[in-house]
Amino acid sequence: MDIQFAYNLERMLYYINGEDSSKLVPVMAEVEKQYRYEDNASGAALPQEMVSKIQEVFSSVVVSDFDTLETIKRVYLSTRGEVLLCPHSAIAVHAGQKEFAYLQHERDDMKVVCVLTAHPCKFEDCVRRALFPEGMYLYI
């Protein structure tokens, strides 16, 4: 899977602009320059109107490496080994449980859903660091 270009960005901009693709053309032209490594590429600045619309719908959090590893371990232990998260999924779970908890207090009907993204065996080193921080491994 090639994730170097975030096609979801274009889709999101399309929908927040009322499905008016003409508003996307100049923005996406600047974004495309970044991925073609053009000399005059300087990034794509979104008009403030687009930024405001995005902020109405989306929020974000930062999850540290420490919190990612702790979430992998906490979920694994709390489920008695039945759920083992990959680092991407652990970030989503941490954000959902800790960072967005305040939103749930404001709205009783709000639910947080974390879509788990990958199998943990793809991230063996990270999972080992989370479960065995002293470097002690259990081989079965």
C-alpha atoms as a PDB file:
ATOM      1  CA  MET A   1       0.000   0.000   0.000  1.00  0.00           C
ATOM      2  CA  ASP A   2       1.421   3.371  -0.989  1.00  0.00           C
ATOM      3  CA  ILE A   3       0.426   6.024   1.534  1.00  0.00           C
ATOM      4  CA  GLN A   4       2.786   8.737   0.350  1.00  0.00           C
ATOM      5  CA  PHE A   5      -0.119  10.765  -0.987  1.00  0.00           C
ATOM      6  CA  ALA A   6      -3.141  11.349   1.206  1.00  0.00           C
ATOM      7  CA  TYR A   7      -6.035  10.997  -1.222  1.00  0.00           C
ATOM      8  CA  ASN A   8      -8.407  11.343   1.707  1.00  0.00           C
ATOM      9  CA  LEU A   9      -7.284  14.974   1.853  1.00  0.00           C
ATOM     10  CA  GLU A  10      -8.755  15.667  -1.565  1.00  0.00           C
ATOM     11  CA  ARG A  11     -11.946  13.804  -0.692  1.00  0.00           C
ATOM     12  CA  MET A  12     -12.331  15.720   2.571  1.00  0.00           C
ATOM     13  CA  LEU A  13     -11.773  19.073   0.863  1.00  0.00           C
ATOM     14  CA  TYR A  14     -14.316  18.135  -1.788  1.00  0.00           C
ATOM     15  CA  TYR A  15     -17.019  17.423   0.768  1.00  0.00           C
ATOM     16  CA  ILE A  16     -16.348  20.394   3.056  1.00  0.00           C
ATOM     17  CA  ASN A  17     -16.592  22.645  -0.002  1.00  0.00           C
ATOM     18  CA  GLY A  18     -20.079  21.478  -0.864  1.00  0.00           C
ATOM     19  CA  GLU A  19     -18.851  19.074  -3.571  1.00  0.00           C
ATOM     20  CA  ASP A  20     -17.572  22.032  -5.596  1.00  0.00           C
ATOM     21  CA  SER A  21     -14.420  20.692  -7.248  1.00  0.00           C
ATOM     22  CA  SER A  22     -13.506  24.091  -8.721  1.00  0.00           C
ATOM     23  CA  LYS A  23     -12.423  25.220  -5.234  1.00  0.00           C
ATOM     24  CA  LEU A  24     -10.016  22.297  -5.013  1.00  0.00           C
ATOM     25  CA  VAL A  25      -8.155  22.764  -8.278  1.00  0.00           C
ATOM     26  CA  PRO A  26      -5.678  25.449  -7.103  1.00  0.00           C
ATOM     27  CA  VAL A  27      -5.084  23.779  -3.734  1.00  0.00           C
ATOM     28  CA  MET A  28      -4.535  20.302  -5.144  1.00  0.00           C
ATOM     29  CA  ALA A  29      -2.233  21.677  -7.863  1.00  0.00           C
ATOM     30  CA  GLU A  30       0.077  22.968  -5.106  1.00  0.00           C
ATOM     31  CA  VAL A  31      -0.180  19.703  -3.170  1.00  0.00           C
ATOM     32  CA  GLU A  32       0.712  17.704  -6.294  1.00  0.00           C
ATOM     33  CA  LYS A  33       3.907  19.762  -6.728  1.00  0.00           C
ATOM     34  CA  GLN A  34       5.151  18.401  -3.419  1.00  0.00           C
ATOM     35  CA  TYR A  35       4.881  14.840  -4.649  1.00  0.00           C
ATOM     36  CA  ARG A  36       6.578  15.563  -7.959  1.00  0.00           C
ATOM     37  CA  TYR A  37       9.466  17.253  -6.130  1.00  0.00           C
ATOM     38  CA  GLU A  38       9.215  20.412  -8.202  1.00  0.00           C
ATOM     39  CA  ASP A  39      11.751  23.105  -7.387  1.00  0.00           C
ATOM     40  CA  ASN A  40       9.114  25.773  -6.881  1.00  0.00           C
ATOM     41  CA  ALA A  41       7.010  23.656  -4.506  1.00  0.00           C
ATOM     42  CA  SER A  42       6.403  25.564  -1.298  1.00  0.00           C
ATOM     43  CA  GLY A  43       3.449  23.745   0.190  1.00  0.00           C
ATOM     44  CA  ALA A  44      -0.244  24.304  -0.163  1.00  0.00           C
ATOM     45  CA  ALA A  45      -1.818  26.960   2.006  1.00  0.00           C
ATOM     46  CA  LEU A  46      -5.499  26.385   2.536  1.00  0.00           C
ATOM     47  CA  PRO A  47      -7.780  29.400   2.443  1.00  0.00           C
ATOM     48  CA  GLN A  48      -9.001  30.300   5.945  1.00  0.00           C
ATOM     49  CA  GLU A  49     -12.577  29.434   4.933  1.00  0.00           C
ATOM     50  CA  MET A  50     -11.502  25.826   4.245  1.00  0.00           C
ATOM     51  CA  VAL A  51      -9.523  25.625   7.481  1.00  0.00           C
ATOM     52  CA  SER A  52     -12.533  26.835   9.469  1.00  0.00           C
ATOM     53  CA  LYS A  53     -14.795  24.244   7.859  1.00  0.00           C
ATOM     54  CA  ILE A  54     -12.278  21.489   8.612  1.00  0.00           C
ATOM     55  CA  GLN A  55     -12.049  22.583  12.239  1.00  0.00           C
ATOM     56  CA  GLU A  56     -15.838  22.390  12.552  1.00  0.00           C
ATOM     57  CA  VAL A  57     -15.763  18.697  11.645  1.00  0.00           C
ATOM     58  CA  PHE A  58     -12.333  17.369  12.689  1.00  0.00           C
ATOM     59  CA  SER A  59     -10.141  17.550  15.740  1.00  0.00           C
ATOM     60  CA  SER A  60      -6.785  15.969  16.360  1.00  0.00           C
ATOM     61  CA  VAL A  61      -4.550  14.880  19.184  1.00  0.00           C
ATOM     62  CA  VAL A  62      -0.899  14.057  19.618  1.00  0.00           C
ATOM     63  CA  VAL A  63      -0.046  10.700  21.164  1.00  0.00           C
ATOM     64  CA  SER A  64       3.509  10.137  22.359  1.00  0.00           C
ATOM     65  CA  ASP A  65       5.561   7.009  21.748  1.00  0.00           C
ATOM     66  CA  PHE A  66       5.356   6.291  25.489  1.00  0.00           C
ATOM     67  CA  ASP A  67       1.544   6.515  25.446  1.00  0.00           C
ATOM     68  CA  THR A  68       1.404   4.298  22.360  1.00  0.00           C
ATOM     69  CA  LEU A  69       3.456   1.550  24.016  1.00  0.00           C
ATOM     70  CA  GLU A  70       1.551   1.878  27.296  1.00  0.00           C
ATOM     71  CA  THR A  71      -1.770   1.550  25.454  1.00  0.00           C
ATOM     72  CA  ILE A  72      -0.618  -1.624  23.684  1.00  0.00           C
ATOM     73  CA  LYS A  73       0.383  -3.102  27.045  1.00  0.00           C
ATOM     74  CA  ARG A  74      -2.684  -1.883  28.968  1.00  0.00           C
ATOM     75  CA  VAL A  75      -5.168  -3.222  26.413  1.00  0.00           C
ATOM     76  CA  TYR A  76      -3.309  -6.527  26.121  1.00  0.00           C
ATOM     77  CA  LEU A  77      -3.257  -7.028  29.895  1.00  0.00           C
ATOM     78  CA  SER A  78      -6.829  -5.809  30.477  1.00  0.00           C
ATOM     79  CA  THR A  79      -8.154  -8.253  27.879  1.00  0.00           C
ATOM     80  CA  ARG A  80      -6.008 -11.081  29.259  1.00  0.00           C
ATOM     81  CA  GLY A  81      -4.131 -11.359  25.990  1.00  0.00           C
ATOM     82  CA  GLU A  82      -7.187 -11.451  23.740  1.00  0.00           C
ATOM     83  CA  VAL A  83      -6.572  -8.046  22.119  1.00  0.00           C
ATOM     84  CA  LEU A  84      -3.148  -7.096  20.833  1.00  0.00           C
ATOM     85  CA  LEU A  85      -2.985  -3.703  19.127  1.00  0.00           C
ATOM     86  CA  CYS A  86      -0.646  -2.515  16.416  1.00  0.00           C
ATOM     87  CA  PRO A  87       0.882   0.924  17.108  1.00  0.00           C
ATOM     88  CA  HIS A  88      -1.539   2.699  14.742  1.00  0.00           C
ATOM     89  CA  SER A  89      -4.513   1.128  16.486  1.00  0.00           C
ATOM     90  CA  ALA A  90      -3.032   1.933  19.905  1.00  0.00           C
ATOM     91  CA  ILE A  91      -2.837   5.604  18.932  1.00  0.00           C
ATOM     92  CA  ALA A  92      -6.517   5.564  17.950  1.00  0.00           C
ATOM     93  CA  VAL A  93      -7.527   3.790  21.157  1.00  0.00           C
ATOM     94  CA  HIS A  94      -5.473   6.164  23.334  1.00  0.00           C
ATOM     95  CA  ALA A  95      -6.955   9.206  21.639  1.00  0.00           C
ATOM     96  CA  GLY A  96     -10.439   7.762  21.892  1.00  0.00           C
ATOM     97  CA  GLN A  97     -10.165   6.821  25.545  1.00  0.00           C
ATOM     98  CA  LYS A  98      -8.134   9.675  26.938  1.00  0.00           C
ATOM     99  CA  GLU A  99      -8.112  12.703  24.675  1.00  0.00           C
ATOM    100  CA  PHE A 100     -11.723  12.655  23.474  1.00  0.00           C
ATOM    101  CA  ALA A 101     -13.249  11.667  26.808  1.00  0.00           C
ATOM    102  CA  TYR A 102     -14.134  15.307  27.471  1.00  0.00           C
ATOM    103  CA  LEU A 103     -16.373  15.339  24.399  1.00  0.00           C
ATOM    104  CA  GLN A 104     -18.400  12.446  25.761  1.00  0.00           C
ATOM    105  CA  HIS A 105     -19.172  14.474  28.891  1.00  0.00           C
ATOM    106  CA  GLU A 106     -20.652  17.224  26.714  1.00  0.00           C
ATOM    107  CA  ARG A 107     -22.852  14.891  24.661  1.00  0.00           C
ATOM    108  CA  ASP A 108     -24.548  11.826  26.090  1.00  0.00           C
ATOM    109  CA  ASP A 109     -25.265  10.431  22.629  1.00  0.00           C
ATOM    110  CA  MET A 110     -21.649  10.563  21.446  1.00  0.00           C
ATOM    111  CA  LYS A 111     -19.832   7.318  20.796  1.00  0.00           C
ATOM    112  CA  VAL A 112     -16.152   6.926  19.984  1.00  0.00           C
ATOM    113  CA  VAL A 113     -15.269   4.197  17.491  1.00  0.00           C
ATOM    114  CA  CYS A 114     -11.684   3.115  16.852  1.00  0.00           C
ATOM    115  CA  VAL A 115     -11.108   1.262  13.621  1.00  0.00           C
ATOM    116  CA  LEU A 116      -8.165  -1.061  14.139  1.00  0.00           C
ATOM    117  CA  THR A 117      -5.863  -0.763  11.195  1.00  0.00           C
ATOM    118  CA  ALA A 118      -3.221  -3.455  11.017  1.00  0.00           C
ATOM    119  CA  HIS A 119      -2.119  -6.768  12.419  1.00  0.00           C
ATOM    120  CA  PRO A 120       0.366  -6.363  15.288  1.00  0.00           C
ATOM    121  CA  CYS A 121       2.797  -8.878  13.748  1.00  0.00           C
ATOM    122  CA  LYS A 122       3.638  -6.209  11.161  1.00  0.00           C
ATOM    123  CA  PHE A 123       5.147  -4.180  14.014  1.00  0.00           C
ATOM    124  CA  GLU A 124       6.914  -6.884  15.995  1.00  0.00           C
ATOM    125  CA  ASP A 125       9.652  -4.668  17.448  1.00  0.00           C
ATOM    126  CA  CYS A 126       7.201  -2.072  18.712  1.00  0.00           C
ATOM    127  CA  VAL A 127       4.880  -4.674  20.230  1.00  0.00           C
ATOM    128  CA  ARG A 128       7.821  -6.402  21.940  1.00  0.00           C
ATOM    129  CA  ARG A 129       8.958  -3.060  23.427  1.00  0.00           C
ATOM    130  CA  ALA A 130       5.433  -2.498  24.748  1.00  0.00           C
ATOM    131  CA  LEU A 131       4.990  -5.925  26.293  1.00  0.00           C
ATOM    132  CA  PHE A 132       8.583  -6.659  27.317  1.00  0.00           C
ATOM    133  CA  PRO A 133      10.260  -3.296  28.003  1.00  0.00           C
ATOM    134  CA  GLU A 134      13.239  -4.908  29.707  1.00  0.00           C
ATOM    135  CA  GLY A 135      14.040  -6.887  26.598  1.00  0.00           C
ATOM    136  CA  MET A 136      12.896 -10.196  28.064  1.00  0.00           C
ATOM    137  CA  TYR A 137      11.086 -12.229  25.438  1.00  0.00           C
ATOM    138  CA  LEU A 138       8.923 -15.249  25.890  1.00  0.00           C
ATOM    139  CA  TYR A 139       9.160 -17.644  22.952  1.00  0.00           C
ATOM    140  CA  ILE A 140       6.572 -20.376  22.619  1.00  0.00           C
END
